[in-house]
């Protein structure tokens, strides 16, 4: 009985220190099919909520930062073929997207549509 109590105490302590973060991330998708792909890809352990808005192109995601990092989320989206504010789309994956899901304008390596955004100022 004492061991069970000790084990429950340890588990509850870990739960208390786990931090849940809710964040909004710009994801450059185009249509309802993009929404399905993005939300399905983020249905993984550590993410408790993911919803992408087609009009605003904003993803609202709630995740446990002890199980998944913000960078992991950006990488998952990039590997689908979509650019985020922090990471360019994986070009090979972007090329495999349905035509309705491909960006209307070419997305530069830094994830922005404007040319020259990645150049360093001297």
PDB file of N, CA and C in Angstrom:
ATOM      1  N   UNK A   1       0.830  -1.189   0.000  1.00  0.00           N
ATOM      2  CA  UNK A   1       0.000   0.000   0.000  1.00  0.00           C
ATOM      3  C   UNK A   1       0.878   1.258   0.000  1.00  0.00           C
ATOM      4  N   UNK A   2       1.945   1.192   0.779  1.00  0.00           N
ATOM      5  CA  UNK A   2       2.852   2.339   0.849  1.00  0.00           C
ATOM      6  C   UNK A   2       3.499   2.596  -0.512  1.00  0.00           C
ATOM      7  N   UNK A   3       3.848   1.523  -1.246  1.00  0.00           N
ATOM      8  CA  UNK A   3       4.465   1.666  -2.570  1.00  0.00           C
ATOM      9  C   UNK A   3       3.502   2.288  -3.576  1.00  0.00           C
ATOM     10  N   UNK A   4       2.237   1.903  -3.490  1.00  0.00           N
ATOM     11  CA  UNK A   4       1.239   2.470  -4.396  1.00  0.00           C
ATOM     12  C   UNK A   4       1.088   3.966  -4.134  1.00  0.00           C
ATOM     13  N   UNK A   5       1.013   4.343  -2.876  1.00  0.00           N
ATOM     14  CA  UNK A   5       0.888   5.749  -2.515  1.00  0.00           C
ATOM     15  C   UNK A   5       2.094   6.547  -3.013  1.00  0.00           C
ATOM     16  N   UNK A   6       3.265   5.998  -2.839  1.00  0.00           N
ATOM     17  CA  UNK A   6       4.499   6.652  -3.283  1.00  0.00           C
ATOM     18  C   UNK A   6       4.516   6.817  -4.809  1.00  0.00           C
ATOM     19  N   UNK A   7       4.085   5.782  -5.516  1.00  0.00           N
ATOM     20  CA  UNK A   7       4.039   5.844  -6.975  1.00  0.00           C
ATOM     21  C   UNK A   7       3.046   6.914  -7.442  1.00  0.00           C
ATOM     22  N   UNK A   8       1.873   6.978  -6.813  1.00  0.00           N
ATOM     23  CA  UNK A   8       0.883   7.995  -7.168  1.00  0.00           C
ATOM     24  C   UNK A   8       1.403   9.399  -6.886  1.00  0.00           C
ATOM     25  N   UNK A   9       2.117   9.553  -5.797  1.00  0.00           N
ATOM     26  CA  UNK A   9       2.698  10.843  -5.452  1.00  0.00           C
ATOM     27  C   UNK A   9       3.713  11.280  -6.505  1.00  0.00           C
ATOM     28  N   UNK A  10       4.538  10.357  -6.970  1.00  0.00           N
ATOM     29  CA  UNK A  10       5.544  10.670  -7.983  1.00  0.00           C
ATOM     30  C   UNK A  10       4.894  11.055  -9.309  1.00  0.00           C
ATOM     31  N   UNK A  11       3.866  10.314  -9.715  1.00  0.00           N
ATOM     32  CA  UNK A  11       3.176  10.606 -10.972  1.00  0.00           C
ATOM     33  C   UNK A  11       2.494  11.968 -10.898  1.00  0.00           C
ATOM     34  N   UNK A  12       1.830  12.256  -9.781  1.00  0.00           N
ATOM     35  CA  UNK A  12       1.142  13.543  -9.654  1.00  0.00           C
ATOM     36  C   UNK A  12       2.136  14.696  -9.625  1.00  0.00           C
ATOM     37  N   UNK A  13       3.308  14.480  -9.086  1.00  0.00           N
ATOM     38  CA  UNK A  13       4.344  15.511  -9.086  1.00  0.00           C
ATOM     39  C   UNK A  13       4.795  15.812 -10.513  1.00  0.00           C
ATOM     40  N   UNK A  14       4.960  14.789 -11.344  1.00  0.00           N
ATOM     41  CA  UNK A  14       5.347  14.994 -12.731  1.00  0.00           C
ATOM     42  C   UNK A  14       4.273  15.750 -13.491  1.00  0.00           C
ATOM     43  N   UNK A  15       3.013  15.448 -13.228  1.00  0.00           N
ATOM     44  CA  UNK A  15       1.915  16.117 -13.904  1.00  0.00           C
ATOM     45  C   UNK A  15       1.880  17.598 -13.533  1.00  0.00           C
ATOM     46  N   UNK A  16       2.166  17.917 -12.279  1.00  0.00           N
ATOM     47  CA  UNK A  16       2.157  19.301 -11.821  1.00  0.00           C
ATOM     48  C   UNK A  16       3.221  20.116 -12.551  1.00  0.00           C
ATOM     49  N   UNK A  17       4.388  19.535 -12.814  1.00  0.00           N
ATOM     50  CA  UNK A  17       5.480  20.263 -13.445  1.00  0.00           C
ATOM     51  C   UNK A  17       5.395  20.294 -14.969  1.00  0.00           C
ATOM     52  N   UNK A  18       4.519  19.495 -15.577  1.00  0.00           N
ATOM     53  CA  UNK A  18       4.341  19.529 -17.016  1.00  0.00           C
ATOM     54  C   UNK A  18       3.630  20.832 -17.381  1.00  0.00           C
ATOM     55  N   UNK A  19       4.148  21.515 -18.376  1.00  0.00           N
ATOM     56  CA  UNK A  19       3.608  22.812 -18.751  1.00  0.00           C
ATOM     57  C   UNK A  19       2.848  22.696 -20.071  1.00  0.00           C
ATOM     58  N   UNK A  20       1.591  23.108 -20.056  1.00  0.00           N
ATOM     59  CA  UNK A  20       0.791  23.126 -21.271  1.00  0.00           C
ATOM     60  C   UNK A  20       0.837  24.530 -21.852  1.00  0.00           C
ATOM     61  N   UNK A  21       1.154  24.590 -23.127  1.00  0.00           N
ATOM     62  CA  UNK A  21       1.301  25.865 -23.817  1.00  0.00           C
ATOM     63  C   UNK A  21       0.260  25.941 -24.932  1.00  0.00           C
ATOM     64  N   UNK A  22      -0.407  27.067 -25.042  1.00  0.00           N
ATOM     65  CA  UNK A  22      -1.299  27.329 -26.167  1.00  0.00           C
ATOM     66  C   UNK A  22      -0.642  28.414 -27.005  1.00  0.00           C
ATOM     67  N   UNK A  23      -0.542  28.139 -28.293  1.00  0.00           N
ATOM     68  CA  UNK A  23       0.194  29.045 -29.164  1.00  0.00           C
ATOM     69  C   UNK A  23      -0.522  29.193 -30.501  1.00  0.00           C
ATOM     70  N   UNK A  24      -0.368  30.339 -31.124  1.00  0.00           N
ATOM     71  CA  UNK A  24      -0.886  30.576 -32.475  1.00  0.00           C
ATOM     72  C   UNK A  24       0.307  30.630 -33.426  1.00  0.00           C
ATOM     73  N   UNK A  25       0.201  29.878 -34.524  1.00  0.00           N
ATOM     74  CA  UNK A  25       1.281  29.765 -35.495  1.00  0.00           C
ATOM     75  C   UNK A  25       0.713  30.023 -36.894  1.00  0.00           C
ATOM     76  N   UNK A  26       1.357  30.887 -37.651  1.00  0.00           N
ATOM     77  CA  UNK A  26       0.970  31.125 -39.035  1.00  0.00           C
ATOM     78  C   UNK A  26       1.377  29.919 -39.871  1.00  0.00           C
ATOM     79  N   UNK A  27       0.407  29.311 -40.566  1.00  0.00           N
ATOM     80  CA  UNK A  27       0.676  28.175 -41.453  1.00  0.00           C
ATOM     81  C   UNK A  27       0.096  28.524 -42.818  1.00  0.00           C
ATOM     82  N   UNK A  28       0.927  28.477 -43.835  1.00  0.00           N
ATOM     83  CA  UNK A  28       0.530  28.928 -45.162  1.00  0.00           C
ATOM     84  C   UNK A  28      -0.126  27.816 -45.977  1.00  0.00           C
ATOM     85  N   UNK A  29      -1.338  27.456 -45.552  1.00  0.00           N
ATOM     86  CA  UNK A  29      -2.166  26.510 -46.292  1.00  0.00           C
ATOM     87  C   UNK A  29      -3.148  27.274 -47.156  1.00  0.00           C
ATOM     88  N   UNK A  30      -3.964  26.545 -47.911  1.00  0.00           N
ATOM     89  CA  UNK A  30      -4.860  27.201 -48.868  1.00  0.00           C
ATOM     90  C   UNK A  30      -6.329  26.807 -48.743  1.00  0.00           C
ATOM     91  N   UNK A  31      -6.639  25.567 -48.355  1.00  0.00           N
ATOM     92  CA  UNK A  31      -8.018  25.101 -48.489  1.00  0.00           C
ATOM     93  C   UNK A  31      -8.435  24.173 -47.344  1.00  0.00           C
ATOM     94  N   UNK A  32      -9.639  23.651 -47.464  1.00  0.00           N
ATOM     95  CA  UNK A  32     -10.156  22.729 -46.458  1.00  0.00           C
ATOM     96  C   UNK A  32      -9.365  21.435 -46.372  1.00  0.00           C
ATOM     97  N   UNK A  33      -8.827  20.993 -47.505  1.00  0.00           N
ATOM     98  CA  UNK A  33      -8.008  19.786 -47.496  1.00  0.00           C
ATOM     99  C   UNK A  33      -6.718  20.032 -46.709  1.00  0.00           C
ATOM    100  N   UNK A  34      -6.174  21.229 -46.822  1.00  0.00           N
ATOM    101  CA  UNK A  34      -4.988  21.602 -46.047  1.00  0.00           C
ATOM    102  C   UNK A  34      -5.318  21.516 -44.553  1.00  0.00           C
ATOM    103  N   UNK A  35      -6.480  22.041 -44.187  1.00  0.00           N
ATOM    104  CA  UNK A  35      -6.913  22.019 -42.791  1.00  0.00           C
ATOM    105  C   UNK A  35      -6.918  20.589 -42.255  1.00  0.00           C
ATOM    106  N   UNK A  36      -7.507  19.678 -43.021  1.00  0.00           N
ATOM    107  CA  UNK A  36      -7.562  18.272 -42.599  1.00  0.00           C
ATOM    108  C   UNK A  36      -6.164  17.684 -42.426  1.00  0.00           C
ATOM    109  N   UNK A  37      -5.280  17.942 -43.393  1.00  0.00           N
ATOM    110  CA  UNK A  37      -3.919  17.398 -43.343  1.00  0.00           C
ATOM    111  C   UNK A  37      -3.143  17.941 -42.141  1.00  0.00           C
ATOM    112  N   UNK A  38      -3.236  19.249 -41.926  1.00  0.00           N
ATOM    113  CA  UNK A  38      -2.498  19.888 -40.835  1.00  0.00           C
ATOM    114  C   UNK A  38      -2.976  19.365 -39.488  1.00  0.00           C
ATOM    115  N   UNK A  39      -4.281  19.358 -39.288  1.00  0.00           N
ATOM    116  CA  UNK A  39      -4.836  18.926 -38.005  1.00  0.00           C
ATOM    117  C   UNK A  39      -4.594  17.440 -37.755  1.00  0.00           C
ATOM    118  N   UNK A  40      -4.686  16.615 -38.797  1.00  0.00           N
ATOM    119  CA  UNK A  40      -4.432  15.174 -38.644  1.00  0.00           C
ATOM    120  C   UNK A  40      -2.965  14.912 -38.290  1.00  0.00           C
ATOM    121  N   UNK A  41      -2.051  15.639 -38.925  1.00  0.00           N
ATOM    122  CA  UNK A  41      -0.619  15.446 -38.662  1.00  0.00           C
ATOM    123  C   UNK A  41      -0.251  15.824 -37.230  1.00  0.00           C
ATOM    124  N   UNK A  42      -1.027  16.725 -36.634  1.00  0.00           N
ATOM    125  CA  UNK A  42      -0.742  17.176 -35.274  1.00  0.00           C
ATOM    126  C   UNK A  42      -1.531  16.407 -34.219  1.00  0.00           C
ATOM    127  N   UNK A  43      -2.185  15.331 -34.631  1.00  0.00           N
ATOM    128  CA  UNK A  43      -2.881  14.461 -33.689  1.00  0.00           C
ATOM    129  C   UNK A  43      -1.873  13.425 -33.180  1.00  0.00           C
ATOM    130  N   UNK A  44      -0.961  13.905 -32.338  1.00  0.00           N
ATOM    131  CA  UNK A  44       0.133  13.079 -31.827  1.00  0.00           C
ATOM    132  C   UNK A  44       0.234  13.252 -30.311  1.00  0.00           C
ATOM    133  N   UNK A  45       0.892  12.311 -29.624  1.00  0.00           N
ATOM    134  CA  UNK A  45       1.079  12.469 -28.177  1.00  0.00           C
ATOM    135  C   UNK A  45       1.808  13.764 -27.859  1.00  0.00           C
ATOM    136  N   UNK A  46       1.283  14.486 -26.883  1.00  0.00           N
ATOM    137  CA  UNK A  46       1.877  15.759 -26.486  1.00  0.00           C
ATOM    138  C   UNK A  46       1.082  16.947 -26.970  1.00  0.00           C
ATOM    139  N   UNK A  47       0.273  16.742 -28.020  1.00  0.00           N
ATOM    140  CA  UNK A  47      -0.585  17.816 -28.533  1.00  0.00           C
ATOM    141  C   UNK A  47      -2.026  17.471 -28.170  1.00  0.00           C
ATOM    142  N   UNK A  48      -2.653  18.348 -27.386  1.00  0.00           N
ATOM    143  CA  UNK A  48      -4.024  18.085 -26.948  1.00  0.00           C
ATOM    144  C   UNK A  48      -5.062  18.793 -27.804  1.00  0.00           C
ATOM    145  N   UNK A  49      -4.657  19.780 -28.605  1.00  0.00           N
ATOM    146  CA  UNK A  49      -5.598  20.518 -29.439  1.00  0.00           C
ATOM    147  C   UNK A  49      -4.842  21.151 -30.592  1.00  0.00           C
ATOM    148  N   UNK A  50      -5.400  21.031 -31.798  1.00  0.00           N
ATOM    149  CA  UNK A  50      -4.832  21.698 -32.969  1.00  0.00           C
ATOM    150  C   UNK A  50      -5.979  22.039 -33.908  1.00  0.00           C
ATOM    151  N   UNK A  51      -6.101  23.323 -34.236  1.00  0.00           N
ATOM    152  CA  UNK A  51      -7.138  23.773 -35.163  1.00  0.00           C
ATOM    153  C   UNK A  51      -6.570  24.869 -36.047  1.00  0.00           C
ATOM    154  N   UNK A  52      -6.663  24.670 -37.368  1.00  0.00           N
ATOM    155  CA  UNK A  52      -6.167  25.643 -38.332  1.00  0.00           C
ATOM    156  C   UNK A  52      -7.344  26.373 -38.962  1.00  0.00           C
ATOM    157  N   UNK A  53      -7.260  27.700 -39.042  1.00  0.00           N
ATOM    158  CA  UNK A  53      -8.308  28.530 -39.613  1.00  0.00           C
ATOM    159  C   UNK A  53      -7.909  28.912 -41.037  1.00  0.00           C
ATOM    160  N   UNK A  54      -8.714  28.505 -42.000  1.00  0.00           N
ATOM    161  CA  UNK A  54      -8.423  28.737 -43.418  1.00  0.00           C
ATOM    162  C   UNK A  54      -8.372  30.225 -43.773  1.00  0.00           C
ATOM    163  N   UNK A  55      -9.242  31.034 -43.184  1.00  0.00           N
ATOM    164  CA  UNK A  55      -9.292  32.456 -43.523  1.00  0.00           C
ATOM    165  C   UNK A  55      -8.087  33.225 -42.967  1.00  0.00           C
ATOM    166  N   UNK A  56      -7.755  32.987 -41.718  1.00  0.00           N
ATOM    167  CA  UNK A  56      -6.653  33.726 -41.091  1.00  0.00           C
ATOM    168  C   UNK A  56      -5.306  33.034 -41.268  1.00  0.00           C
ATOM    169  N   UNK A  57      -5.339  31.765 -41.659  1.00  0.00           N
ATOM    170  CA  UNK A  57      -4.144  30.920 -41.815  1.00  0.00           C
ATOM    171  C   UNK A  57      -3.399  30.716 -40.484  1.00  0.00           C
ATOM    172  N   UNK A  58      -4.136  30.872 -39.394  1.00  0.00           N
ATOM    173  CA  UNK A  58      -3.533  30.710 -38.070  1.00  0.00           C
ATOM    174  C   UNK A  58      -3.900  29.350 -37.476  1.00  0.00           C
ATOM    175  N   UNK A  59      -2.897  28.678 -36.972  1.00  0.00           N
ATOM    176  CA  UNK A  59      -3.067  27.407 -36.274  1.00  0.00           C
ATOM    177  C   UNK A  59      -3.041  27.698 -34.781  1.00  0.00           C
ATOM    178  N   UNK A  60      -4.050  27.240 -34.077  1.00  0.00           N
ATOM    179  CA  UNK A  60      -4.042  27.302 -32.621  1.00  0.00           C
ATOM    180  C   UNK A  60      -3.702  25.903 -32.147  1.00  0.00           C
ATOM    181  N   UNK A  61      -2.641  25.799 -31.380  1.00  0.00           N
ATOM    182  CA  UNK A  61      -2.185  24.491 -30.912  1.00  0.00           C
ATOM    183  C   UNK A  61      -1.915  24.547 -29.415  1.00  0.00           C
ATOM    184  N   UNK A  62      -2.376  23.507 -28.716  1.00  0.00           N
ATOM    185  CA  UNK A  62      -2.128  23.381 -27.279  1.00  0.00           C
ATOM    186  C   UNK A  62      -1.295  22.115 -27.095  1.00  0.00           C
ATOM    187  N   UNK A  63      -0.135  22.270 -26.461  1.00  0.00           N
ATOM    188  CA  UNK A  63       0.772  21.129 -26.334  1.00  0.00           C
ATOM    189  C   UNK A  63       1.505  21.131 -24.998  1.00  0.00           C
ATOM    190  N   UNK A  64       2.002  19.961 -24.647  1.00  0.00           N
ATOM    191  CA  UNK A  64       2.785  19.766 -23.432  1.00  0.00           C
ATOM    192  C   UNK A  64       4.254  19.877 -23.829  1.00  0.00           C
ATOM    193  N   UNK A  65       4.922  20.905 -23.358  1.00  0.00           N
ATOM    194  CA  UNK A  65       6.304  21.147 -23.800  1.00  0.00           C
ATOM    195  C   UNK A  65       7.319  20.145 -23.257  1.00  0.00           C
ATOM    196  N   UNK A  66       6.904  19.259 -22.362  1.00  0.00           N
ATOM    197  CA  UNK A  66       7.820  18.207 -21.917  1.00  0.00           C
ATOM    198  C   UNK A  66       7.741  16.994 -22.852  1.00  0.00           C
ATOM    199  N   UNK A  67       6.731  16.970 -23.748  1.00  0.00           N
ATOM    200  CA  UNK A  67       6.579  15.854 -24.680  1.00  0.00           C
ATOM    201  C   UNK A  67       6.877  16.230 -26.126  1.00  0.00           C
ATOM    202  N   UNK A  68       6.655  17.495 -26.474  1.00  0.00           N
ATOM    203  CA  UNK A  68       6.889  17.953 -27.840  1.00  0.00           C
ATOM    204  C   UNK A  68       7.291  19.422 -27.793  1.00  0.00           C
ATOM    205  N   UNK A  69       8.187  19.813 -28.676  1.00  0.00           N
ATOM    206  CA  UNK A  69       8.656  21.201 -28.670  1.00  0.00           C
ATOM    207  C   UNK A  69       7.970  22.003 -29.778  1.00  0.00           C
ATOM    208  N   UNK A  70       8.049  23.315 -29.658  1.00  0.00           N
ATOM    209  CA  UNK A  70       7.513  24.186 -30.702  1.00  0.00           C
ATOM    210  C   UNK A  70       8.222  23.898 -32.026  1.00  0.00           C
ATOM    211  N   UNK A  71       9.521  23.668 -31.974  1.00  0.00           N
ATOM    212  CA  UNK A  71      10.283  23.367 -33.180  1.00  0.00           C
ATOM    213  C   UNK A  71       9.784  22.074 -33.837  1.00  0.00           C
ATOM    214  N   UNK A  72       9.434  21.069 -33.016  1.00  0.00           N
ATOM    215  CA  UNK A  72       8.895  19.814 -33.551  1.00  0.00           C
ATOM    216  C   UNK A  72       7.598  20.073 -34.314  1.00  0.00           C
ATOM    217  N   UNK A  73       6.776  20.968 -33.798  1.00  0.00           N
ATOM    218  CA  UNK A  73       5.504  21.301 -34.448  1.00  0.00           C
ATOM    219  C   UNK A  73       5.770  21.972 -35.796  1.00  0.00           C
ATOM    220  N   UNK A  74       6.686  22.937 -35.817  1.00  0.00           N
ATOM    221  CA  UNK A  74       7.034  23.610 -37.077  1.00  0.00           C
ATOM    222  C   UNK A  74       7.611  22.604 -38.077  1.00  0.00           C
ATOM    223  N   UNK A  75       8.439  21.688 -37.606  1.00  0.00           N
ATOM    224  CA  UNK A  75       9.052  20.683 -38.475  1.00  0.00           C
ATOM    225  C   UNK A  75       7.991  19.745 -39.058  1.00  0.00           C
ATOM    226  N   UNK A  76       7.034  19.338 -38.243  1.00  0.00           N
ATOM    227  CA  UNK A  76       5.953  18.463 -38.711  1.00  0.00           C
ATOM    228  C   UNK A  76       5.173  19.149 -39.830  1.00  0.00           C
ATOM    229  N   UNK A  77       4.857  20.420 -39.645  1.00  0.00           N
ATOM    230  CA  UNK A  77       4.106  21.177 -40.650  1.00  0.00           C
ATOM    231  C   UNK A  77       4.937  21.352 -41.924  1.00  0.00           C
ATOM    232  N   UNK A  78       6.212  21.668 -41.757  1.00  0.00           N
ATOM    233  CA  UNK A  78       7.108  21.828 -42.908  1.00  0.00           C
ATOM    234  C   UNK A  78       7.198  20.526 -43.702  1.00  0.00           C
ATOM    235  N   UNK A  79       7.303  19.405 -43.003  1.00  0.00           N
ATOM    236  CA  UNK A  79       7.403  18.106 -43.667  1.00  0.00           C
ATOM    237  C   UNK A  79       6.132  17.722 -44.413  1.00  0.00           C
ATOM    238  N   UNK A  80       5.009  18.369 -44.077  1.00  0.00           N
ATOM    239  CA  UNK A  80       3.762  18.166 -44.829  1.00  0.00           C
ATOM    240  C   UNK A  80       3.795  18.923 -46.157  1.00  0.00           C
ATOM    241  N   UNK A  81       4.631  19.972 -46.216  1.00  0.00           N
ATOM    242  CA  UNK A  81       4.714  20.785 -47.421  1.00  0.00           C
ATOM    243  C   UNK A  81       4.206  22.196 -47.231  1.00  0.00           C
ATOM    244  N   UNK A  82       3.969  22.591 -45.973  1.00  0.00           N
ATOM    245  CA  UNK A  82       3.456  23.925 -45.679  1.00  0.00           C
ATOM    246  C   UNK A  82       4.514  24.750 -44.947  1.00  0.00           C
ATOM    247  N   UNK A  83       4.592  26.024 -45.274  1.00  0.00           N
ATOM    248  CA  UNK A  83       5.510  26.933 -44.598  1.00  0.00           C
ATOM    249  C   UNK A  83       4.843  27.487 -43.346  1.00  0.00           C
ATOM    250  N   UNK A  84       5.653  27.782 -42.347  1.00  0.00           N
ATOM    251  CA  UNK A  84       5.189  28.470 -41.151  1.00  0.00           C
ATOM    252  C   UNK A  84       5.969  29.778 -41.055  1.00  0.00           C
ATOM    253  N   UNK A  85       5.662  30.577 -40.046  1.00  0.00           N
ATOM    254  CA  UNK A  85       6.390  31.828 -39.860  1.00  0.00           C
ATOM    255  C   UNK A  85       7.861  31.582 -39.531  1.00  0.00           C
ATOM    256  N   UNK A  86       8.174  30.402 -38.996  1.00  0.00           N
ATOM    257  CA  UNK A  86       9.551  30.110 -38.584  1.00  0.00           C
ATOM    258  C   UNK A  86      10.285  29.113 -39.473  1.00  0.00           C
ATOM    259  N   UNK A  87       9.558  28.429 -40.363  1.00  0.00           N
ATOM    260  CA  UNK A  87      10.211  27.379 -41.133  1.00  0.00           C
ATOM    261  C   UNK A  87       9.613  27.292 -42.539  1.00  0.00           C
ATOM    262  N   UNK A  88      10.482  27.197 -43.519  1.00  0.00           N
ATOM    263  CA  UNK A  88      10.032  27.045 -44.902  1.00  0.00           C
ATOM    264  C   UNK A  88       9.434  25.661 -45.110  1.00  0.00           C
ATOM    265  N   UNK A  89       8.586  25.549 -46.099  1.00  0.00           N
ATOM    266  CA  UNK A  89       7.995  24.259 -46.448  1.00  0.00           C
ATOM    267  C   UNK A  89       9.062  23.347 -47.031  1.00  0.00           C
ATOM    268  N   UNK A  90       8.959  22.073 -46.733  1.00  0.00           N
ATOM    269  CA  UNK A  90       9.814  21.071 -47.350  1.00  0.00           C
ATOM    270  C   UNK A  90       9.433  21.047 -48.833  1.00  0.00           C
ATOM    271  N   UNK A  91      10.368  21.383 -49.703  1.00  0.00           N
ATOM    272  CA  UNK A  91      10.040  21.542 -51.130  1.00  0.00           C
ATOM    273  C   UNK A  91       9.588  20.224 -51.772  1.00  0.00           C
ATOM    274  N   UNK A  92      10.182  19.112 -51.379  1.00  0.00           N
ATOM    275  CA  UNK A  92       9.773  17.821 -51.944  1.00  0.00           C
ATOM    276  C   UNK A  92       8.329  17.509 -51.550  1.00  0.00           C
ATOM    277  N   UNK A  93       7.988  17.755 -50.296  1.00  0.00           N
ATOM    278  CA  UNK A  93       6.620  17.510 -49.829  1.00  0.00           C
ATOM    279  C   UNK A  93       5.644  18.494 -50.444  1.00  0.00           C
ATOM    280  N   UNK A  94       6.079  19.744 -50.601  1.00  0.00           N
ATOM    281  CA  UNK A  94       5.210  20.762 -51.189  1.00  0.00           C
ATOM    282  C   UNK A  94       4.874  20.407 -52.639  1.00  0.00           C
ATOM    283  N   UNK A  95       5.836  19.834 -53.341  1.00  0.00           N
ATOM    284  CA  UNK A  95       5.612  19.426 -54.728  1.00  0.00           C
ATOM    285  C   UNK A  95       4.603  18.304 -54.857  1.00  0.00           C
ATOM    286  N   UNK A  96       4.415  17.518 -53.809  1.00  0.00           N
ATOM    287  CA  UNK A  96       3.480  16.390 -53.818  1.00  0.00           C
ATOM    288  C   UNK A  96       2.069  16.783 -53.385  1.00  0.00           C
ATOM    289  N   UNK A  97       1.890  18.027 -52.929  1.00  0.00           N
ATOM    290  CA  UNK A  97       0.563  18.473 -52.501  1.00  0.00           C
ATOM    291  C   UNK A  97      -0.395  18.527 -53.691  1.00  0.00           C
ATOM    292  N   UNK A  98      -1.686  18.351 -53.413  1.00  0.00           N
ATOM    293  CA  UNK A  98      -2.700  18.534 -54.443  1.00  0.00           C
ATOM    294  C   UNK A  98      -2.613  19.972 -54.946  1.00  0.00           C
ATOM    295  N   UNK A  99      -3.037  20.203 -56.181  1.00  0.00           N
ATOM    296  CA  UNK A  99      -2.897  21.542 -56.772  1.00  0.00           C
ATOM    297  C   UNK A  99      -3.627  22.615 -55.966  1.00  0.00           C
ATOM    298  N   UNK A 100      -4.752  22.269 -55.343  1.00  0.00           N
ATOM    299  CA  UNK A 100      -5.481  23.269 -54.548  1.00  0.00           C
ATOM    300  C   UNK A 100      -4.735  23.628 -53.266  1.00  0.00           C
ATOM    301  N   UNK A 101      -3.826  22.772 -52.834  1.00  0.00           N
ATOM    302  CA  UNK A 101      -3.082  22.989 -51.593  1.00  0.00           C
ATOM    303  C   UNK A 101      -1.760  23.733 -51.799  1.00  0.00           C
ATOM    304  N   UNK A 102      -1.328  23.815 -53.037  1.00  0.00           N
ATOM    305  CA  UNK A 102      -0.056  24.493 -53.317  1.00  0.00           C
ATOM    306  C   UNK A 102      -0.232  25.994 -53.180  1.00  0.00           C
ATOM    307  N   UNK A 103       0.797  26.694 -52.683  1.00  0.00           N
ATOM    308  CA  UNK A 103       0.683  28.148 -52.524  1.00  0.00           C
ATOM    309  C   UNK A 103       0.493  28.845 -53.865  1.00  0.00           C
ATOM    310  N   UNK A 104      -0.287  29.919 -53.841  1.00  0.00           N
ATOM    311  CA  UNK A 104      -0.555  30.688 -55.064  1.00  0.00           C
ATOM    312  C   UNK A 104       0.695  31.424 -55.530  1.00  0.00           C
ATOM    313  N   UNK A 105       1.525  31.871 -54.566  1.00  0.00           N
ATOM    314  CA  UNK A 105       2.795  32.520 -54.864  1.00  0.00           C
ATOM    315  C   UNK A 105       3.904  31.627 -54.337  1.00  0.00           C
ATOM    316  N   UNK A 106       5.051  31.669 -54.987  1.00  0.00           N
ATOM    317  CA  UNK A 106       6.187  30.885 -54.511  1.00  0.00           C
ATOM    318  C   UNK A 106       6.582  31.369 -53.119  1.00  0.00           C
ATOM    319  N   UNK A 107       6.837  30.423 -52.231  1.00  0.00           N
ATOM    320  CA  UNK A 107       7.258  30.759 -50.878  1.00  0.00           C
ATOM    321  C   UNK A 107       8.771  30.669 -50.828  1.00  0.00           C
ATOM    322  N   UNK A 108       9.410  31.763 -50.434  1.00  0.00           N
ATOM    323  CA  UNK A 108      10.870  31.824 -50.382  1.00  0.00           C
ATOM    324  C   UNK A 108      11.393  30.961 -49.229  1.00  0.00           C
ATOM    325  N   UNK A 109      12.694  30.731 -49.207  1.00  0.00           N
ATOM    326  CA  UNK A 109      13.319  29.851 -48.222  1.00  0.00           C
ATOM    327  C   UNK A 109      13.074  30.263 -46.783  1.00  0.00           C
ATOM    328  N   UNK A 110      12.873  31.546 -46.538  1.00  0.00           N
ATOM    329  CA  UNK A 110      12.663  31.994 -45.164  1.00  0.00           C
ATOM    330  C   UNK A 110      11.209  31.863 -44.748  1.00  0.00           C
ATOM    331  N   UNK A 111      10.333  31.462 -45.660  1.00  0.00           N
ATOM    332  CA  UNK A 111       8.928  31.291 -45.350  1.00  0.00           C
ATOM    333  C   UNK A 111       8.073  32.491 -45.702  1.00  0.00           C
ATOM    334  N   UNK A 112       8.665  33.512 -46.292  1.00  0.00           N
ATOM    335  CA  UNK A 112       7.908  34.710 -46.663  1.00  0.00           C
ATOM    336  C   UNK A 112       7.736  34.750 -48.176  1.00  0.00           C
ATOM    337  N   UNK A 113       6.749  35.477 -48.633  1.00  0.00           N
ATOM    338  CA  UNK A 113       6.475  35.559 -50.068  1.00  0.00           C
ATOM    339  C   UNK A 113       7.307  36.634 -50.762  1.00  0.00           C
ATOM    340  N   UNK A 114       7.807  37.613 -50.027  1.00  0.00           N
ATOM    341  CA  UNK A 114       8.557  38.706 -50.633  1.00  0.00           C
ATOM    342  C   UNK A 114      10.021  38.325 -50.835  1.00  0.00           C
ATOM    343  N   UNK A 115      10.550  38.686 -51.970  1.00  0.00           N
ATOM    344  CA  UNK A 115      11.962  38.434 -52.246  1.00  0.00           C
ATOM    345  C   UNK A 115      12.814  39.366 -51.410  1.00  0.00           C
ATOM    346  N   UNK A 116      13.964  38.904 -51.017  1.00  0.00           N
ATOM    347  CA  UNK A 116      14.906  39.741 -50.288  1.00  0.00           C
ATOM    348  C   UNK A 116      14.673  39.778 -48.787  1.00  0.00           C
ATOM    349  N   UNK A 117      13.712  39.049 -48.307  1.00  0.00           N
ATOM    350  CA  UNK A 117      13.417  39.101 -46.869  1.00  0.00           C
ATOM    351  C   UNK A 117      14.492  38.389 -46.044  1.00  0.00           C
ATOM    352  N   UNK A 118      15.235  37.536 -46.706  1.00  0.00           N
ATOM    353  CA  UNK A 118      16.219  36.727 -45.983  1.00  0.00           C
ATOM    354  C   UNK A 118      17.608  37.361 -45.977  1.00  0.00           C
ATOM    355  N   UNK A 119      17.794  38.401 -46.744  1.00  0.00           N
ATOM    356  CA  UNK A 119      19.112  38.989 -46.826  1.00  0.00           C
ATOM    357  C   UNK A 119      19.456  39.716 -45.544  1.00  0.00           C
ATOM    358  N   UNK A 120      20.687  39.580 -45.133  1.00  0.00           N
ATOM    359  CA  UNK A 120      21.147  40.236 -43.906  1.00  0.00           C
ATOM    360  C   UNK A 120      21.476  41.691 -44.199  1.00  0.00           C
ATOM    361  N   UNK A 121      21.111  42.549 -43.276  1.00  0.00           N
ATOM    362  CA  UNK A 121      21.450  43.956 -43.416  1.00  0.00           C
ATOM    363  C   UNK A 121      22.871  44.180 -42.955  1.00  0.00           C
ATOM    364  N   UNK A 122      23.586  45.012 -43.669  1.00  0.00           N
ATOM    365  CA  UNK A 122      24.990  45.267 -43.315  1.00  0.00           C
ATOM    366  C   UNK A 122      25.118  46.510 -42.504  1.00  0.00           C
TER     367      UNK A 122
END
